Amino acid sequence: HGCLGQYAILADLNFFPKEELLRFCSKEGILGGHPSRKV
């Protein structure tokens, strides 16, 4: 449930585009409320 920190770091390290953070928990994004192996 603390995944927001991990997501922000992974985006900063270019694992995925930083714009993806703004689609957190949306149908259009890949970032769910808990970490998923698809990320």
Full PDB file with SEQRES, HELIX, SHEET, SSBOND, CRYST1, ORIGX, SCALE, CONECT and MASTER records, all heavy atoms in Angstrom:
SEQRES   1 A   39  HIS GLY CYS LEU GLY GLN TYR ALA ILE LEU ALA ASP LEU          
SEQRES   2 A   39  ASN PHE PHE PRO LYS GLU GLU LEU LEU ARG PHE CYS SER          
SEQRES   3 A   39  LYS GLU GLY ILE LEU GLY GLY HIS PRO SER ARG LYS VAL          
HELIX    1 AA1 CYS A    3  ASP A   12  1                                  10    
HELIX    2 AA2 LYS A   18  ARG A   23  5                                   6    
CRYST1    1.000    1.000    1.000  90.00  90.00  90.00 P 1           1          
ORIGX1      1.000000  0.000000  0.000000        0.00000                         
ORIGX2      0.000000  1.000000  0.000000        0.00000                         
ORIGX3      0.000000  0.000000  1.000000        0.00000                         
SCALE1      1.000000  0.000000  0.000000        0.00000                         
SCALE2      0.000000  1.000000  0.000000        0.00000                         
SCALE3      0.000000  0.000000  1.000000        0.00000                         
ATOM      1  N   HIS A   1       0.819  -1.213   0.000  1.00  0.00           N  
ATOM      2  CA  HIS A   1       0.000   0.000   0.000  1.00  0.00           C  
ATOM      3  C   HIS A   1       0.856   1.268   0.000  1.00  0.00           C  
ATOM      4  O   HIS A   1       0.352   2.351  -0.292  1.00  0.00           O  
ATOM      5  CB  HIS A   1      -0.957   0.002   1.193  1.00  0.00           C  
ATOM      6  CG  HIS A   1      -0.294  -0.141   2.521  1.00  0.00           C  
ATOM      7  ND1 HIS A   1       0.247  -1.332   2.947  1.00  0.00           N  
ATOM      8  CD2 HIS A   1      -0.061   0.758   3.512  1.00  0.00           C  
ATOM      9  CE1 HIS A   1       0.771  -1.164   4.153  1.00  0.00           C  
ATOM     10  NE2 HIS A   1       0.606   0.081   4.509  1.00  0.00           N  
ATOM     11  N   GLY A   2       2.166   1.134   0.282  1.00  0.00           N  
ATOM     12  CA  GLY A   2       3.062   2.289   0.223  1.00  0.00           C  
ATOM     13  C   GLY A   2       3.692   2.481  -1.142  1.00  0.00           C  
ATOM     14  O   GLY A   2       4.728   3.138  -1.263  1.00  0.00           O  
ATOM     15  N   CYS A   3       3.064   1.949  -2.176  1.00  0.00           N  
ATOM     16  CA  CYS A   3       3.672   1.875  -3.510  1.00  0.00           C  
ATOM     17  C   CYS A   3       3.915   3.220  -4.171  1.00  0.00           C  
ATOM     18  O   CYS A   3       4.703   3.311  -5.115  1.00  0.00           O  
ATOM     19  CB  CYS A   3       2.821   1.006  -4.430  1.00  0.00           C  
ATOM     20  SG  CYS A   3       1.137   1.636  -4.671  1.00  0.00           S  
ATOM     21  N   LEU A   4       3.268   4.292  -3.713  1.00  0.00           N  
ATOM     22  CA  LEU A   4       3.473   5.583  -4.347  1.00  0.00           C  
ATOM     23  C   LEU A   4       4.947   5.984  -4.340  1.00  0.00           C  
ATOM     24  O   LEU A   4       5.444   6.573  -5.304  1.00  0.00           O  
ATOM     25  CB  LEU A   4       2.632   6.665  -3.652  1.00  0.00           C  
ATOM     26  CG  LEU A   4       1.139   6.686  -3.989  1.00  0.00           C  
ATOM     27  CD1 LEU A   4       0.405   7.656  -3.076  1.00  0.00           C  
ATOM     28  CD2 LEU A   4       0.916   7.074  -5.449  1.00  0.00           C  
ATOM     29  N   GLY A   5       5.651   5.662  -3.273  1.00  0.00           N  
ATOM     30  CA  GLY A   5       7.075   5.965  -3.203  1.00  0.00           C  
ATOM     31  C   GLY A   5       7.878   5.173  -4.215  1.00  0.00           C  
ATOM     32  O   GLY A   5       8.768   5.708  -4.894  1.00  0.00           O  
ATOM     33  N   GLN A   6       7.582   3.894  -4.324  1.00  0.00           N  
ATOM     34  CA  GLN A   6       8.291   3.048  -5.282  1.00  0.00           C  
ATOM     35  C   GLN A   6       7.987   3.477  -6.713  1.00  0.00           C  
ATOM     36  O   GLN A   6       8.889   3.560  -7.554  1.00  0.00           O  
ATOM     37  CB  GLN A   6       7.909   1.585  -5.072  1.00  0.00           C  
ATOM     38  CG  GLN A   6       8.789   0.613  -5.838  1.00  0.00           C  
ATOM     39  CD  GLN A   6       8.452  -0.837  -5.535  1.00  0.00           C  
ATOM     40  OE1 GLN A   6       7.301  -1.172  -5.264  1.00  0.00           O  
ATOM     41  NE2 GLN A   6       9.453  -1.700  -5.573  1.00  0.00           N  
ATOM     42  N   TYR A   7       6.735   3.788  -7.005  1.00  0.00           N  
ATOM     43  CA  TYR A   7       6.371   4.241  -8.346  1.00  0.00           C  
ATOM     44  C   TYR A   7       7.127   5.523  -8.716  1.00  0.00           C  
ATOM     45  O   TYR A   7       7.642   5.666  -9.837  1.00  0.00           O  
ATOM     46  CB  TYR A   7       4.871   4.523  -8.424  1.00  0.00           C  
ATOM     47  CG  TYR A   7       3.969   3.314  -8.394  1.00  0.00           C  
ATOM     48  CD1 TYR A   7       2.628   3.454  -8.064  1.00  0.00           C  
ATOM     49  CD2 TYR A   7       4.435   2.041  -8.715  1.00  0.00           C  
ATOM     50  CE1 TYR A   7       1.769   2.363  -8.047  1.00  0.00           C  
ATOM     51  CE2 TYR A   7       3.587   0.942  -8.688  1.00  0.00           C  
ATOM     52  CZ  TYR A   7       2.253   1.105  -8.354  1.00  0.00           C  
ATOM     53  OH  TYR A   7       1.409   0.026  -8.335  1.00  0.00           O  
ATOM     54  N   ALA A   8       7.168   6.479  -7.793  1.00  0.00           N  
ATOM     55  CA  ALA A   8       7.826   7.756  -8.081  1.00  0.00           C  
ATOM     56  C   ALA A   8       9.303   7.558  -8.385  1.00  0.00           C  
ATOM     57  O   ALA A   8       9.855   8.201  -9.291  1.00  0.00           O  
ATOM     58  CB  ALA A   8       7.644   8.710  -6.899  1.00  0.00           C  
ATOM     59  N   ILE A   9       9.941   6.654  -7.652  1.00  0.00           N  
ATOM     60  CA  ILE A   9      11.367   6.380  -7.886  1.00  0.00           C  
ATOM     61  C   ILE A   9      11.572   5.659  -9.208  1.00  0.00           C  
ATOM     62  O   ILE A   9      12.475   6.000  -9.983  1.00  0.00           O  
ATOM     63  CB  ILE A   9      11.954   5.571  -6.715  1.00  0.00           C  
ATOM     64  CG1 ILE A   9      12.055   6.464  -5.476  1.00  0.00           C  
ATOM     65  CG2 ILE A   9      13.322   4.988  -7.076  1.00  0.00           C  
ATOM     66  CD1 ILE A   9      12.464   5.734  -4.215  1.00  0.00           C  
ATOM     67  N   LEU A  10      10.756   4.672  -9.502  1.00  0.00           N  
ATOM     68  CA  LEU A  10      10.905   3.938 -10.770  1.00  0.00           C  
ATOM     69  C   LEU A  10      10.713   4.865 -11.963  1.00  0.00           C  
ATOM     70  O   LEU A  10      11.409   4.750 -12.976  1.00  0.00           O  
ATOM     71  CB  LEU A  10       9.911   2.774 -10.817  1.00  0.00           C  
ATOM     72  CG  LEU A  10      10.185   1.623  -9.849  1.00  0.00           C  
ATOM     73  CD1 LEU A  10       9.045   0.600  -9.901  1.00  0.00           C  
ATOM     74  CD2 LEU A  10      11.518   0.943 -10.169  1.00  0.00           C  
ATOM     75  N   ALA A  11       9.771   5.806 -11.847  1.00  0.00           N  
ATOM     76  CA  ALA A  11       9.584   6.776 -12.926  1.00  0.00           C  
ATOM     77  C   ALA A  11      10.808   7.676 -13.043  1.00  0.00           C  
ATOM     78  O   ALA A  11      11.273   7.975 -14.159  1.00  0.00           O  
ATOM     79  CB  ALA A  11       8.329   7.615 -12.667  1.00  0.00           C  
ATOM     80  N   ASP A  12      11.344   8.096 -11.914  1.00  0.00           N  
ATOM     81  CA  ASP A  12      12.525   8.965 -11.919  1.00  0.00           C  
ATOM     82  C   ASP A  12      13.731   8.261 -12.531  1.00  0.00           C  
ATOM     83  O   ASP A  12      14.589   8.902 -13.145  1.00  0.00           O  
ATOM     84  CB  ASP A  12      12.835   9.415 -10.494  1.00  0.00           C  
ATOM     85  CG  ASP A  12      13.891  10.495 -10.429  1.00  0.00           C  
ATOM     86  OD1 ASP A  12      13.690  11.563 -11.040  1.00  0.00           O  
ATOM     87  OD2 ASP A  12      14.943  10.274  -9.791  1.00  0.00           O  
ATOM     88  N   LEU A  13      13.794   6.945 -12.377  1.00  0.00           N  
ATOM     89  CA  LEU A  13      14.903   6.157 -12.923  1.00  0.00           C  
ATOM     90  C   LEU A  13      14.624   5.655 -14.341  1.00  0.00           C  
ATOM     91  O   LEU A  13      15.363   4.830 -14.870  1.00  0.00           O  
ATOM     92  CB  LEU A  13      15.202   4.972 -11.997  1.00  0.00           C  
ATOM     93  CG  LEU A  13      15.809   5.336 -10.632  1.00  0.00           C  
ATOM     94  CD1 LEU A  13      15.903   4.090  -9.748  1.00  0.00           C  
ATOM     95  CD2 LEU A  13      17.186   5.965 -10.794  1.00  0.00           C  
ATOM     96  N   ASN A  14      13.521   6.121 -14.929  1.00  0.00           N  
ATOM     97  CA  ASN A  14      13.190   5.823 -16.336  1.00  0.00           C  
ATOM     98  C   ASN A  14      12.780   4.368 -16.577  1.00  0.00           C  
ATOM     99  O   ASN A  14      12.958   3.858 -17.686  1.00  0.00           O  
ATOM    100  CB  ASN A  14      14.358   6.191 -17.254  1.00  0.00           C  
ATOM    101  CG  ASN A  14      14.677   7.669 -17.213  1.00  0.00           C  
ATOM    102  OD1 ASN A  14      13.781   8.514 -17.281  1.00  0.00           O  
ATOM    103  ND2 ASN A  14      15.959   7.997 -17.075  1.00  0.00           N  
ATOM    104  N   PHE A  15      12.195   3.734 -15.570  1.00  0.00           N  
ATOM    105  CA  PHE A  15      11.602   2.428 -15.822  1.00  0.00           C  
ATOM    106  C   PHE A  15      10.321   2.568 -16.635  1.00  0.00           C  
ATOM    107  O   PHE A  15       9.941   1.670 -17.376  1.00  0.00           O  
ATOM    108  CB  PHE A  15      11.302   1.717 -14.496  1.00  0.00           C  
ATOM    109  CG  PHE A  15      12.493   1.041 -13.879  1.00  0.00           C  
ATOM    110  CD1 PHE A  15      13.354   1.750 -13.055  1.00  0.00           C  
ATOM    111  CD2 PHE A  15      12.768  -0.290 -14.132  1.00  0.00           C  
ATOM    112  CE1 PHE A  15      14.463   1.137 -12.486  1.00  0.00           C  
ATOM    113  CE2 PHE A  15      13.869  -0.918 -13.572  1.00  0.00           C  
ATOM    114  CZ  PHE A  15      14.727  -0.202 -12.739  1.00  0.00           C  
ATOM    115  N   PHE A  16       9.648   3.696 -16.494  1.00  0.00           N  
ATOM    116  CA  PHE A  16       8.477   4.016 -17.315  1.00  0.00           C  
ATOM    117  C   PHE A  16       8.345   5.543 -17.342  1.00  0.00           C  
ATOM    118  O   PHE A  16       8.943   6.237 -16.508  1.00  0.00           O  
ATOM    119  CB  PHE A  16       7.203   3.344 -16.782  1.00  0.00           C  
ATOM    120  CG  PHE A  16       6.930   3.575 -15.317  1.00  0.00           C  
ATOM    121  CD1 PHE A  16       6.355   4.760 -14.869  1.00  0.00           C  
ATOM    122  CD2 PHE A  16       7.243   2.595 -14.380  1.00  0.00           C  
ATOM    123  CE1 PHE A  16       6.099   4.966 -13.527  1.00  0.00           C  
ATOM    124  CE2 PHE A  16       7.002   2.800 -13.032  1.00  0.00           C  
ATOM    125  CZ  PHE A  16       6.416   3.982 -12.601  1.00  0.00           C  
ATOM    126  N   PRO A  17       7.608   6.099 -18.294  1.00  0.00           N  
ATOM    127  CA  PRO A  17       7.493   7.557 -18.406  1.00  0.00           C  
ATOM    128  C   PRO A  17       6.884   8.183 -17.152  1.00  0.00           C  
ATOM    129  O   PRO A  17       5.943   7.645 -16.559  1.00  0.00           O  
ATOM    130  CB  PRO A  17       6.568   7.752 -19.612  1.00  0.00           C  
ATOM    131  CG  PRO A  17       6.684   6.478 -20.391  1.00  0.00           C  
ATOM    132  CD  PRO A  17       6.889   5.398 -19.378  1.00  0.00           C  
ATOM    133  N   LYS A  18       7.408   9.326 -16.761  1.00  0.00           N  
ATOM    134  CA  LYS A  18       6.931   9.992 -15.549  1.00  0.00           C  
ATOM    135  C   LYS A  18       5.460  10.400 -15.672  1.00  0.00           C  
ATOM    136  O   LYS A  18       4.751  10.490 -14.669  1.00  0.00           O  
ATOM    137  CB  LYS A  18       7.800  11.220 -15.270  1.00  0.00           C  
ATOM    138  CG  LYS A  18       7.719  11.703 -13.826  1.00  0.00           C  
ATOM    139  CD  LYS A  18       8.859  12.636 -13.482  1.00  0.00           C  
ATOM    140  CE  LYS A  18       8.837  12.973 -11.999  1.00  0.00           C  
ATOM    141  NZ  LYS A  18      10.001  13.810 -11.597  1.00  0.00           N  
ATOM    142  N   GLU A  19       4.995  10.624 -16.883  1.00  0.00           N  
ATOM    143  CA  GLU A  19       3.586  10.988 -17.087  1.00  0.00           C  
ATOM    144  C   GLU A  19       2.639   9.901 -16.576  1.00  0.00           C  
ATOM    145  O   GLU A  19       1.476  10.162 -16.266  1.00  0.00           O  
ATOM    146  CB  GLU A  19       3.306  11.240 -18.575  1.00  0.00           C  
ATOM    147  CG  GLU A  19       4.017  12.446 -19.155  1.00  0.00           C  
ATOM    148  CD  GLU A  19       5.509  12.226 -19.401  1.00  0.00           C  
ATOM    149  OE1 GLU A  19       5.906  11.040 -19.558  1.00  0.00           O  
ATOM    150  OE2 GLU A  19       6.268  13.213 -19.427  1.00  0.00           O  
ATOM    151  N   GLU A  20       3.167   8.672 -16.493  1.00  0.00           N  
ATOM    152  CA  GLU A  20       2.333   7.560 -16.025  1.00  0.00           C  
ATOM    153  C   GLU A  20       1.874   7.778 -14.583  1.00  0.00           C  
ATOM    154  O   GLU A  20       0.818   7.271 -14.179  1.00  0.00           O  
ATOM    155  CB  GLU A  20       3.128   6.253 -16.139  1.00  0.00           C  
ATOM    156  CG  GLU A  20       2.299   4.990 -16.048  1.00  0.00           C  
ATOM    157  CD  GLU A  20       1.310   4.837 -17.185  1.00  0.00           C  
ATOM    158  OE1 GLU A  20       1.708   5.038 -18.348  1.00  0.00           O  
ATOM    159  OE2 GLU A  20       0.136   4.522 -16.901  1.00  0.00           O  
ATOM    160  N   LEU A  21       2.652   8.532 -13.797  1.00  0.00           N  
ATOM    161  CA  LEU A  21       2.268   8.793 -12.405  1.00  0.00           C  
ATOM    162  C   LEU A  21       0.915   9.493 -12.327  1.00  0.00           C  
ATOM    163  O   LEU A  21       0.128   9.249 -11.409  1.00  0.00           O  
ATOM    164  CB  LEU A  21       3.332   9.648 -11.710  1.00  0.00           C  
ATOM    165  CG  LEU A  21       4.708   9.010 -11.494  1.00  0.00           C  
ATOM    166  CD1 LEU A  21       5.670  10.033 -10.913  1.00  0.00           C  
ATOM    167  CD2 LEU A  21       4.620   7.786 -10.587  1.00  0.00           C  
ATOM    168  N   LEU A  22       0.636  10.360 -13.285  1.00  0.00           N  
ATOM    169  CA  LEU A  22      -0.618  11.120 -13.260  1.00  0.00           C  
ATOM    170  C   LEU A  22      -1.810  10.281 -13.702  1.00  0.00           C  
ATOM    171  O   LEU A  22      -2.952  10.761 -13.672  1.00  0.00           O  
ATOM    172  CB  LEU A  22      -0.484  12.368 -14.130  1.00  0.00           C  
ATOM    173  CG  LEU A  22       0.623  13.339 -13.700  1.00  0.00           C  
ATOM    174  CD1 LEU A  22       0.659  14.557 -14.605  1.00  0.00           C  
ATOM    175  CD2 LEU A  22       0.447  13.755 -12.245  1.00  0.00           C  
ATOM    176  N   ARG A  23      -1.551   9.032 -14.102  1.00  0.00           N  
ATOM    177  CA  ARG A  23      -2.639   8.102 -14.427  1.00  0.00           C  
ATOM    178  C   ARG A  23      -2.778   7.026 -13.344  1.00  0.00           C  
ATOM    179  O   ARG A  23      -3.402   5.990 -13.569  1.00  0.00           O  
ATOM    180  CB  ARG A  23      -2.395   7.463 -15.793  1.00  0.00           C  
ATOM    181  CG  ARG A  23      -2.488   8.440 -16.950  1.00  0.00           C  
ATOM    182  CD  ARG A  23      -2.475   7.740 -18.301  1.00  0.00           C  
ATOM    183  NE  ARG A  23      -1.140   7.283 -18.665  1.00  0.00           N  
ATOM    184  CZ  ARG A  23      -0.254   8.017 -19.329  1.00  0.00           C  
ATOM    185  NH1 ARG A  23      -0.573   9.249 -19.703  1.00  0.00           N  
ATOM    186  NH2 ARG A  23       0.940   7.546 -19.623  1.00  0.00           N  
ATOM    187  N   PHE A  24      -2.203   7.293 -12.172  1.00  0.00           N  
ATOM    188  CA  PHE A  24      -2.285   6.366 -11.043  1.00  0.00           C  
ATOM    189  C   PHE A  24      -3.749   6.018 -10.740  1.00  0.00           C  
ATOM    190  O   PHE A  24      -4.609   6.883 -10.629  1.00  0.00           O  
ATOM    191  CB  PHE A  24      -1.629   7.016  -9.817  1.00  0.00           C  
ATOM    192  CG  PHE A  24      -1.783   6.261  -8.534  1.00  0.00           C  
ATOM    193  CD1 PHE A  24      -1.209   5.006  -8.363  1.00  0.00           C  
ATOM    194  CD2 PHE A  24      -2.489   6.804  -7.468  1.00  0.00           C  
ATOM    195  CE1 PHE A  24      -1.340   4.318  -7.170  1.00  0.00           C  
ATOM    196  CE2 PHE A  24      -2.617   6.133  -6.269  1.00  0.00           C  
ATOM    197  CZ  PHE A  24      -2.047   4.875  -6.126  1.00  0.00           C  
ATOM    198  N   CYS A  25      -4.005   4.724 -10.662  1.00  0.00           N  
ATOM    199  CA  CYS A  25      -5.342   4.198 -10.337  1.00  0.00           C  
ATOM    200  C   CYS A  25      -6.420   4.605 -11.346  1.00  0.00           C  
ATOM    201  O   CYS A  25      -7.601   4.690 -11.000  1.00  0.00           O  
ATOM    202  CB  CYS A  25      -5.757   4.608  -8.922  1.00  0.00           C  
ATOM    203  SG  CYS A  25      -4.997   3.607  -7.627  1.00  0.00           S  
ATOM    204  N   SER A  26      -6.020   4.845 -12.588  1.00  0.00           N  
ATOM    205  CA  SER A  26      -7.005   5.122 -13.631  1.00  0.00           C  
ATOM    206  C   SER A  26      -7.053   3.948 -14.606  1.00  0.00           C  
ATOM    207  O   SER A  26      -6.109   3.157 -14.693  1.00  0.00           O  
ATOM    208  CB  SER A  26      -6.648   6.405 -14.390  1.00  0.00           C  
ATOM    209  OG  SER A  26      -5.538   6.186 -15.236  1.00  0.00           O  
ATOM    210  N   LYS A  27      -8.120   3.847 -15.364  1.00  0.00           N  
ATOM    211  CA  LYS A  27      -8.255   2.763 -16.328  1.00  0.00           C  
ATOM    212  C   LYS A  27      -7.238   2.881 -17.451  1.00  0.00           C  
ATOM    213  O   LYS A  27      -6.863   1.884 -18.069  1.00  0.00           O  
ATOM    214  CB  LYS A  27      -9.670   2.766 -16.913  1.00  0.00           C  
ATOM    215  CG  LYS A  27     -10.758   2.414 -15.908  1.00  0.00           C  
ATOM    216  CD  LYS A  27     -12.130   2.446 -16.552  1.00  0.00           C  
ATOM    217  CE  LYS A  27     -13.218   2.098 -15.543  1.00  0.00           C  
ATOM    218  NZ  LYS A  27     -14.572   2.151 -16.152  1.00  0.00           N  
ATOM    219  N   GLU A  28      -6.771   4.089 -17.704  1.00  0.00           N  
ATOM    220  CA  GLU A  28      -5.832   4.311 -18.798  1.00  0.00           C  
ATOM    221  C   GLU A  28      -4.383   4.007 -18.394  1.00  0.00           C  
ATOM    222  O   GLU A  28      -3.505   3.877 -19.242  1.00  0.00           O  
ATOM    223  CB  GLU A  28      -5.909   5.768 -19.281  1.00  0.00           C  
ATOM    224  CG  GLU A  28      -7.241   6.177 -19.870  1.00  0.00           C  
ATOM    225  CD  GLU A  28      -8.291   6.433 -18.802  1.00  0.00           C  
ATOM    226  OE1 GLU A  28      -7.909   6.726 -17.642  1.00  0.00           O  
ATOM    227  OE2 GLU A  28      -9.496   6.312 -19.119  1.00  0.00           O  
ATOM    228  N   GLY A  29      -4.109   3.899 -17.098  1.00  0.00           N  
ATOM    229  CA  GLY A  29      -2.740   3.747 -16.632  1.00  0.00           C  
ATOM    230  C   GLY A  29      -2.389   2.320 -16.250  1.00  0.00           C  
ATOM    231  O   GLY A  29      -3.231   1.420 -16.251  1.00  0.00           O  
ATOM    232  N   ILE A  30      -1.110   2.122 -15.908  1.00  0.00           N  
ATOM    233  CA  ILE A  30      -0.624   0.787 -15.509  1.00  0.00           C  
ATOM    234  C   ILE A  30      -0.368   0.694 -14.006  1.00  0.00           C  
ATOM    235  O   ILE A  30      -0.082  -0.391 -13.501  1.00  0.00           O  
ATOM    236  CB  ILE A  30       0.683   0.434 -16.250  1.00  0.00           C  
ATOM    237  CG1 ILE A  30       1.795   1.438 -15.908  1.00  0.00           C  
ATOM    238  CG2 ILE A  30       0.450   0.374 -17.751  1.00  0.00           C  
ATOM    239  CD1 ILE A  30       3.167   1.042 -16.427  1.00  0.00           C  
ATOM    240  N   LEU A  31      -0.509   1.826 -13.300  1.00  0.00           N  
ATOM    241  CA  LEU A  31      -0.155   1.858 -11.881  1.00  0.00           C  
ATOM    242  C   LEU A  31      -1.393   1.698 -11.011  1.00  0.00           C  
ATOM    243  O   LEU A  31      -2.255   2.579 -10.949  1.00  0.00           O  
ATOM    244  CB  LEU A  31       0.550   3.176 -11.535  1.00  0.00           C  
ATOM    245  CG  LEU A  31       1.784   3.521 -12.372  1.00  0.00           C  
ATOM    246  CD1 LEU A  31       2.342   4.881 -11.950  1.00  0.00           C  
ATOM    247  CD2 LEU A  31       2.853   2.439 -12.230  1.00  0.00           C  
ATOM    248  N   GLY A  32      -1.474   0.564 -10.333  1.00  0.00           N  
ATOM    249  CA  GLY A  32      -2.598   0.318  -9.450  1.00  0.00           C  
ATOM    250  C   GLY A  32      -2.304   0.721  -8.017  1.00  0.00           C  
ATOM    251  O   GLY A  32      -1.213   1.185  -7.678  1.00  0.00           O  
ATOM    252  N   GLY A  33      -3.282   0.529  -7.150  1.00  0.00           N  
ATOM    253  CA  GLY A  33      -3.146   0.900  -5.748  1.00  0.00           C  
ATOM    254  C   GLY A  33      -2.188   0.036  -4.962  1.00  0.00           C  
ATOM    255  O   GLY A  33      -1.815   0.387  -3.840  1.00  0.00           O  
ATOM    256  N   HIS A  34      -1.788  -1.102  -5.536  1.00  0.00           N  
ATOM    257  CA  HIS A  34      -0.738  -1.947  -4.985  1.00  0.00           C  
ATOM    258  C   HIS A  34       0.187  -2.353  -6.138  1.00  0.00           C  
ATOM    259  O   HIS A  34      -0.238  -2.390  -7.297  1.00  0.00           O  
ATOM    260  CB  HIS A  34      -1.313  -3.206  -4.311  1.00  0.00           C  
ATOM    261  CG  HIS A  34      -2.053  -2.901  -3.045  1.00  0.00           C  
ATOM    262  ND1 HIS A  34      -3.366  -2.512  -3.042  1.00  0.00           N  
ATOM    263  CD2 HIS A  34      -1.662  -2.937  -1.743  1.00  0.00           C  
ATOM    264  CE1 HIS A  34      -3.760  -2.311  -1.787  1.00  0.00           C  
ATOM    265  NE2 HIS A  34      -2.745  -2.558  -0.983  1.00  0.00           N  
ATOM    266  N   PRO A  35       1.446  -2.654  -5.846  1.00  0.00           N  
ATOM    267  CA  PRO A  35       2.385  -2.991  -6.918  1.00  0.00           C  
ATOM    268  C   PRO A  35       1.943  -4.211  -7.723  1.00  0.00           C  
ATOM    269  O   PRO A  35       1.472  -5.201  -7.159  1.00  0.00           O  
ATOM    270  CB  PRO A  35       3.696  -3.284  -6.173  1.00  0.00           C  
ATOM    271  CG  PRO A  35       3.556  -2.578  -4.860  1.00  0.00           C  
ATOM    272  CD  PRO A  35       2.097  -2.662  -4.525  1.00  0.00           C  
ATOM    273  N   SER A  36       2.104  -4.115  -9.031  1.00  0.00           N  
ATOM    274  CA  SER A  36       1.756  -5.218  -9.922  1.00  0.00           C  
ATOM    275  C   SER A  36       2.958  -5.576 -10.781  1.00  0.00           C  
ATOM    276  O   SER A  36       3.685  -4.701 -11.235  1.00  0.00           O  
ATOM    277  CB  SER A  36       0.583  -4.825 -10.825  1.00  0.00           C  
ATOM    278  OG  SER A  36       0.395  -5.784 -11.849  1.00  0.00           O  
ATOM    279  N   ARG A  37       3.125  -6.856 -11.019  1.00  0.00           N  
ATOM    280  CA  ARG A  37       4.252  -7.359 -11.808  1.00  0.00           C  
ATOM    281  C   ARG A  37       4.260  -6.802 -13.231  1.00  0.00           C  
ATOM    282  O   ARG A  37       5.306  -6.769 -13.881  1.00  0.00           O  
ATOM    283  CB  ARG A  37       4.195  -8.897 -11.837  1.00  0.00           C  
ATOM    284  CG  ARG A  37       5.332  -9.573 -12.572  1.00  0.00           C  
ATOM    285  CD  ARG A  37       6.658  -9.390 -11.862  1.00  0.00           C  
ATOM    286  NE  ARG A  37       7.747 -10.053 -12.541  1.00  0.00           N  
ATOM    287  CZ  ARG A  37       8.408  -9.573 -13.591  1.00  0.00           C  
ATOM    288  NH1 ARG A  37       8.074  -8.388 -14.081  1.00  0.00           N  
ATOM    289  NH2 ARG A  37       9.399 -10.239 -14.140  1.00  0.00           N  
ATOM    290  N   LYS A  38       3.123  -6.310 -13.706  1.00  0.00           N  
ATOM    291  CA  LYS A  38       3.070  -5.771 -15.063  1.00  0.00           C  
ATOM    292  C   LYS A  38       3.780  -4.419 -15.185  1.00  0.00           C  
ATOM    293  O   LYS A  38       4.045  -3.951 -16.285  1.00  0.00           O  
ATOM    294  CB  LYS A  38       1.621  -5.621 -15.522  1.00  0.00           C  
ATOM    295  CG  LYS A  38       0.837  -4.533 -14.800  1.00  0.00           C  
ATOM    296  CD  LYS A  38      -0.602  -4.470 -15.269  1.00  0.00           C  
ATOM    297  CE  LYS A  38      -1.388  -3.379 -14.529  1.00  0.00           C  
ATOM    298  NZ  LYS A  38      -2.797  -3.337 -14.953  1.00  0.00           N  
ATOM    299  N   VAL A  39       4.085  -3.791 -14.043  1.00  0.00           N  
ATOM    300  CA  VAL A  39       4.753  -2.489 -14.043  1.00  0.00           C  
ATOM    301  C   VAL A  39       6.264  -2.698 -14.155  1.00  0.00           C  
ATOM    302  O   VAL A  39       6.847  -3.440 -13.359  1.00  0.00           O  
ATOM    303  CB  VAL A  39       4.428  -1.706 -12.753  1.00  0.00           C  
ATOM    304  CG1 VAL A  39       5.184  -0.374 -12.726  1.00  0.00           C  
ATOM    305  CG2 VAL A  39       2.927  -1.478 -12.626  1.00  0.00           C  
TER     306      VAL A  39                                                      
MASTER        0    0    0    2    0    0    0    6  305    1    0    3          
END                                                                             
